[in-house]
Amino acid sequence: MPLLPLAAVFGAITLVCAAFLLVHAFRRSLGTGMMVLLVPFYVLVYAFSQFEHPRKNLIIVGFFGCSVLAAVFLGLGAHALDLAMIRPPPPPIF
């Protein structure tokens, strides 16, 4: 089950990068910040067109890459946990 902690780590990195994007959007204007926060997929448009930061590439790759990795590891970890719960325990060896 070591995949679930990896999903949590990548999820935390995603949240940090999302915080950078949100803070920048709200500093730009309240409407832009609300759109990034509430409109699905507008964060894609905002990140590539209006987001300006010295470490823009690292933040964007961290946000999108880590969100995909977190989803993959969460799915694999949940599947492994499901299989562990369904499979009967092995018989004791004496």
N, C-alpha and C. Protein backbone atom coordinates (compact mmCIF):
# COMPACT_ATOMS: atom_id res chain seq x y z
N MET A 1 0.79 -1.21 0.00
CA MET A 1 0.00 0.00 0.00
C MET A 1 0.84 1.29 0.00
N PRO A 2 2.07 1.27 -0.45
CA PRO A 2 2.84 2.51 -0.41
C PRO A 2 2.41 3.52 -1.48
N LEU A 3 1.42 3.19 -2.28
CA LEU A 3 0.99 4.12 -3.33
C LEU A 3 0.11 5.25 -2.78
N LEU A 4 -0.62 4.99 -1.73
CA LEU A 4 -1.49 6.03 -1.17
C LEU A 4 -0.70 7.18 -0.55
N PRO A 5 0.40 6.94 0.16
CA PRO A 5 1.20 8.08 0.62
C PRO A 5 1.82 8.87 -0.52
N LEU A 6 2.19 8.19 -1.61
CA LEU A 6 2.70 8.91 -2.78
C LEU A 6 1.61 9.81 -3.38
N ALA A 7 0.39 9.32 -3.40
CA ALA A 7 -0.72 10.14 -3.90
C ALA A 7 -0.92 11.36 -3.01
N ALA A 8 -0.75 11.20 -1.71
CA ALA A 8 -0.89 12.33 -0.79
C ALA A 8 0.22 13.35 -1.00
N VAL A 9 1.44 12.89 -1.25
CA VAL A 9 2.56 13.81 -1.49
C VAL A 9 2.34 14.60 -2.77
N PHE A 10 1.97 13.91 -3.84
CA PHE A 10 1.73 14.61 -5.10
C PHE A 10 0.51 15.52 -5.01
N GLY A 11 -0.48 15.13 -4.23
CA GLY A 11 -1.63 16.01 -4.01
C GLY A 11 -1.25 17.27 -3.26
N ALA A 12 -0.35 17.15 -2.30
CA ALA A 12 0.12 18.33 -1.57
C ALA A 12 0.90 19.27 -2.47
N ILE A 13 1.73 18.71 -3.35
CA ILE A 13 2.47 19.55 -4.30
C ILE A 13 1.50 20.26 -5.24
N THR A 14 0.46 19.55 -5.66
CA THR A 14 -0.55 20.16 -6.52
C THR A 14 -1.25 21.32 -5.81
N LEU A 15 -1.55 21.15 -4.54
CA LEU A 15 -2.22 22.22 -3.80
C LEU A 15 -1.33 23.45 -3.64
N VAL A 16 -0.03 23.23 -3.44
CA VAL A 16 0.89 24.37 -3.32
C VAL A 16 0.96 25.14 -4.64
N CYS A 17 1.06 24.40 -5.75
CA CYS A 17 1.11 25.06 -7.06
C CYS A 17 -0.22 25.75 -7.38
N ALA A 18 -1.33 25.15 -6.99
CA ALA A 18 -2.63 25.78 -7.19
C ALA A 18 -2.76 27.05 -6.36
N ALA A 19 -2.16 27.06 -5.19
CA ALA A 19 -2.19 28.26 -4.36
C ALA A 19 -1.45 29.41 -5.04
N PHE A 20 -0.31 29.10 -5.68
CA PHE A 20 0.40 30.14 -6.44
C PHE A 20 -0.49 30.70 -7.55
N LEU A 21 -1.16 29.81 -8.28
CA LEU A 21 -2.03 30.26 -9.37
C LEU A 21 -3.20 31.09 -8.85
N LEU A 22 -3.81 30.66 -7.77
CA LEU A 22 -4.96 31.38 -7.23
C LEU A 22 -4.57 32.75 -6.67
N VAL A 23 -3.47 32.80 -5.95
CA VAL A 23 -3.03 34.08 -5.40
C VAL A 23 -2.73 35.07 -6.52
N HIS A 24 -2.07 34.60 -7.56
CA HIS A 24 -1.76 35.48 -8.69
C HIS A 24 -3.04 35.93 -9.38
N ALA A 25 -3.99 35.03 -9.54
CA ALA A 25 -5.25 35.39 -10.20
C ALA A 25 -6.04 36.40 -9.37
N PHE A 26 -6.09 36.23 -8.07
CA PHE A 26 -6.83 37.19 -7.24
C PHE A 26 -6.11 38.53 -7.14
N ARG A 27 -4.78 38.53 -7.24
CA ARG A 27 -4.06 39.81 -7.26
C ARG A 27 -4.32 40.55 -8.56
N ARG A 28 -4.54 39.81 -9.63
CA ARG A 28 -4.83 40.44 -10.92
C ARG A 28 -6.18 41.14 -10.87
N SER A 29 -7.22 40.41 -10.47
CA SER A 29 -8.54 41.01 -10.24
C SER A 29 -9.43 39.98 -9.54
N LEU A 30 -10.47 40.47 -8.92
CA LEU A 30 -11.39 39.59 -8.21
C LEU A 30 -12.12 38.67 -9.18
N GLY A 31 -12.51 39.21 -10.33
CA GLY A 31 -13.22 38.40 -11.33
C GLY A 31 -12.37 37.28 -11.88
N THR A 32 -11.11 37.57 -12.16
CA THR A 32 -10.20 36.54 -12.67
C THR A 32 -9.97 35.46 -11.61
N GLY A 33 -9.81 35.88 -10.38
CA GLY A 33 -9.63 34.91 -9.30
C GLY A 33 -10.83 34.01 -9.12
N MET A 34 -12.02 34.59 -9.20
CA MET A 34 -13.23 33.78 -9.07
C MET A 34 -13.40 32.83 -10.25
N MET A 35 -13.01 33.29 -11.43
CA MET A 35 -13.10 32.40 -12.60
C MET A 35 -12.14 31.23 -12.48
N VAL A 36 -10.92 31.50 -12.03
CA VAL A 36 -9.94 30.42 -11.85
C VAL A 36 -10.43 29.45 -10.78
N LEU A 37 -11.06 29.99 -9.75
CA LEU A 37 -11.52 29.16 -8.65
C LEU A 37 -12.77 28.35 -9.00
N LEU A 38 -13.69 28.93 -9.75
CA LEU A 38 -15.00 28.30 -9.92
C LEU A 38 -15.30 27.73 -11.31
N VAL A 39 -14.70 28.26 -12.36
CA VAL A 39 -15.02 27.80 -13.71
C VAL A 39 -14.10 26.63 -14.06
N PRO A 40 -14.69 25.48 -14.37
CA PRO A 40 -13.85 24.32 -14.70
C PRO A 40 -12.98 24.58 -15.93
N PHE A 41 -11.76 24.16 -15.87
CA PHE A 41 -10.77 24.23 -16.93
C PHE A 41 -10.32 25.65 -17.27
N TYR A 42 -10.83 26.68 -16.59
CA TYR A 42 -10.31 28.02 -16.85
C TYR A 42 -8.89 28.16 -16.31
N VAL A 43 -8.55 27.35 -15.34
CA VAL A 43 -7.18 27.39 -14.82
C VAL A 43 -6.18 27.03 -15.93
N LEU A 44 -6.58 26.19 -16.88
CA LEU A 44 -5.71 25.88 -18.02
C LEU A 44 -5.44 27.12 -18.86
N VAL A 45 -6.51 27.83 -19.18
CA VAL A 45 -6.38 29.04 -19.99
C VAL A 45 -5.56 30.08 -19.25
N TYR A 46 -5.86 30.26 -17.98
CA TYR A 46 -5.17 31.27 -17.20
C TYR A 46 -3.68 30.93 -17.03
N ALA A 47 -3.38 29.68 -16.76
CA ALA A 47 -1.99 29.29 -16.51
C ALA A 47 -1.11 29.51 -17.73
N PHE A 48 -1.64 29.26 -18.91
CA PHE A 48 -0.82 29.38 -20.10
C PHE A 48 -0.85 30.77 -20.72
N SER A 49 -1.90 31.54 -20.48
CA SER A 49 -1.99 32.83 -21.17
C SER A 49 -1.70 34.04 -20.28
N GLN A 50 -2.12 34.05 -19.02
CA GLN A 50 -2.02 35.25 -18.21
C GLN A 50 -1.10 35.13 -17.00
N PHE A 51 -0.76 33.93 -16.60
CA PHE A 51 0.06 33.72 -15.41
C PHE A 51 1.50 34.12 -15.71
N GLU A 52 2.03 35.05 -14.91
CA GLU A 52 3.42 35.49 -15.08
C GLU A 52 4.13 35.38 -13.74
N HIS A 53 5.17 34.57 -13.73
CA HIS A 53 5.94 34.32 -12.52
C HIS A 53 7.34 33.92 -12.97
N PRO A 54 8.37 34.24 -12.18
CA PRO A 54 9.72 33.83 -12.58
C PRO A 54 9.86 32.31 -12.73
N ARG A 55 9.12 31.56 -11.99
CA ARG A 55 9.17 30.09 -12.06
C ARG A 55 7.88 29.52 -12.66
N LYS A 56 7.38 30.18 -13.69
CA LYS A 56 6.12 29.80 -14.31
C LYS A 56 6.14 28.35 -14.78
N ASN A 57 7.18 27.95 -15.48
CA ASN A 57 7.24 26.59 -16.03
C ASN A 57 7.20 25.54 -14.93
N LEU A 58 7.93 25.76 -13.87
CA LEU A 58 7.98 24.81 -12.77
C LEU A 58 6.62 24.71 -12.07
N ILE A 59 5.95 25.84 -11.89
CA ILE A 59 4.65 25.83 -11.22
C ILE A 59 3.60 25.14 -12.08
N ILE A 60 3.60 25.42 -13.38
CA ILE A 60 2.60 24.79 -14.26
C ILE A 60 2.84 23.28 -14.37
N VAL A 61 4.10 22.89 -14.55
CA VAL A 61 4.40 21.46 -14.62
C VAL A 61 4.09 20.79 -13.29
N GLY A 62 4.39 21.46 -12.19
CA GLY A 62 4.07 20.90 -10.88
C GLY A 62 2.58 20.73 -10.67
N PHE A 63 1.81 21.70 -11.13
CA PHE A 63 0.36 21.62 -10.94
C PHE A 63 -0.25 20.50 -11.78
N PHE A 64 0.02 20.52 -13.08
CA PHE A 64 -0.62 19.54 -13.96
C PHE A 64 -0.01 18.15 -13.83
N GLY A 65 1.31 18.08 -13.77
CA GLY A 65 1.95 16.78 -13.66
C GLY A 65 1.65 16.07 -12.35
N CYS A 66 1.74 16.81 -11.27
CA CYS A 66 1.48 16.19 -9.96
C CYS A 66 0.01 15.86 -9.76
N SER A 67 -0.90 16.61 -10.38
CA SER A 67 -2.31 16.26 -10.27
C SER A 67 -2.59 14.95 -11.01
N VAL A 68 -1.95 14.75 -12.16
CA VAL A 68 -2.12 13.49 -12.89
C VAL A 68 -1.50 12.34 -12.10
N LEU A 69 -0.29 12.55 -11.57
CA LEU A 69 0.35 11.50 -10.79
C LEU A 69 -0.43 11.17 -9.52
N ALA A 70 -0.98 12.18 -8.87
CA ALA A 70 -1.79 11.93 -7.67
C ALA A 70 -3.02 11.10 -8.02
N ALA A 71 -3.67 11.41 -9.14
CA ALA A 71 -4.84 10.64 -9.55
C ALA A 71 -4.48 9.19 -9.88
N VAL A 72 -3.37 9.01 -10.57
CA VAL A 72 -2.94 7.65 -10.93
C VAL A 72 -2.60 6.84 -9.69
N PHE A 73 -1.79 7.42 -8.79
CA PHE A 73 -1.41 6.68 -7.59
C PHE A 73 -2.60 6.47 -6.66
N LEU A 74 -3.53 7.39 -6.62
CA LEU A 74 -4.73 7.19 -5.81
C LEU A 74 -5.58 6.06 -6.36
N GLY A 75 -5.72 6.00 -7.68
CA GLY A 75 -6.48 4.91 -8.29
C GLY A 75 -5.81 3.56 -8.08
N LEU A 76 -4.49 3.51 -8.29
CA LEU A 76 -3.78 2.24 -8.10
C LEU A 76 -3.77 1.82 -6.64
N GLY A 77 -3.60 2.78 -5.74
CA GLY A 77 -3.61 2.45 -4.32
C GLY A 77 -4.98 1.99 -3.84
N ALA A 78 -6.04 2.62 -4.34
CA ALA A 78 -7.38 2.19 -3.97
C ALA A 78 -7.69 0.81 -4.54
N HIS A 79 -7.20 0.54 -5.75
CA HIS A 79 -7.40 -0.79 -6.34
C HIS A 79 -6.66 -1.86 -5.54
N ALA A 80 -5.43 -1.58 -5.14
CA ALA A 80 -4.67 -2.53 -4.33
C ALA A 80 -5.32 -2.75 -2.98
N LEU A 81 -5.83 -1.68 -2.39
CA LEU A 81 -6.52 -1.81 -1.11
C LEU A 81 -7.79 -2.64 -1.25
N ASP A 82 -8.51 -2.45 -2.36
CA ASP A 82 -9.71 -3.22 -2.63
C ASP A 82 -9.38 -4.70 -2.79
N LEU A 83 -8.32 -5.00 -3.52
CA LEU A 83 -7.92 -6.40 -3.69
C LEU A 83 -7.48 -7.01 -2.37
N ALA A 84 -6.82 -6.24 -1.53
CA ALA A 84 -6.39 -6.76 -0.23
C ALA A 84 -7.57 -7.03 0.68
N MET A 85 -8.63 -6.25 0.54
CA MET A 85 -9.81 -6.46 1.39
C MET A 85 -10.64 -7.65 0.90
N ILE A 86 -10.62 -7.93 -0.39
CA ILE A 86 -11.44 -9.02 -0.94
C ILE A 86 -10.74 -10.36 -0.76
N ARG A 87 -9.44 -10.41 -0.99
CA ARG A 87 -8.71 -11.67 -0.94
C ARG A 87 -8.71 -12.23 0.47
N PRO A 88 -9.04 -13.52 0.62
CA PRO A 88 -8.99 -14.10 1.97
C PRO A 88 -7.54 -14.22 2.44
N PRO A 89 -7.35 -14.15 3.73
CA PRO A 89 -5.97 -14.25 4.24
C PRO A 89 -5.41 -15.66 4.00
N PRO A 90 -4.11 -15.76 3.82
CA PRO A 90 -3.53 -17.10 3.60
C PRO A 90 -3.64 -17.93 4.88
N PRO A 91 -3.69 -19.24 4.71
CA PRO A 91 -3.79 -20.10 5.90
C PRO A 91 -2.48 -20.03 6.70
N PRO A 92 -2.59 -20.17 8.00
CA PRO A 92 -1.37 -20.12 8.82
C PRO A 92 -0.47 -21.32 8.55
N ILE A 93 0.82 -21.07 8.58
CA ILE A 93 1.81 -22.14 8.35
C ILE A 93 2.43 -22.50 9.69
N PHE A 94 2.29 -23.77 10.07
CA PHE A 94 2.86 -24.26 11.35
C PHE A 94 3.86 -25.32 11.10
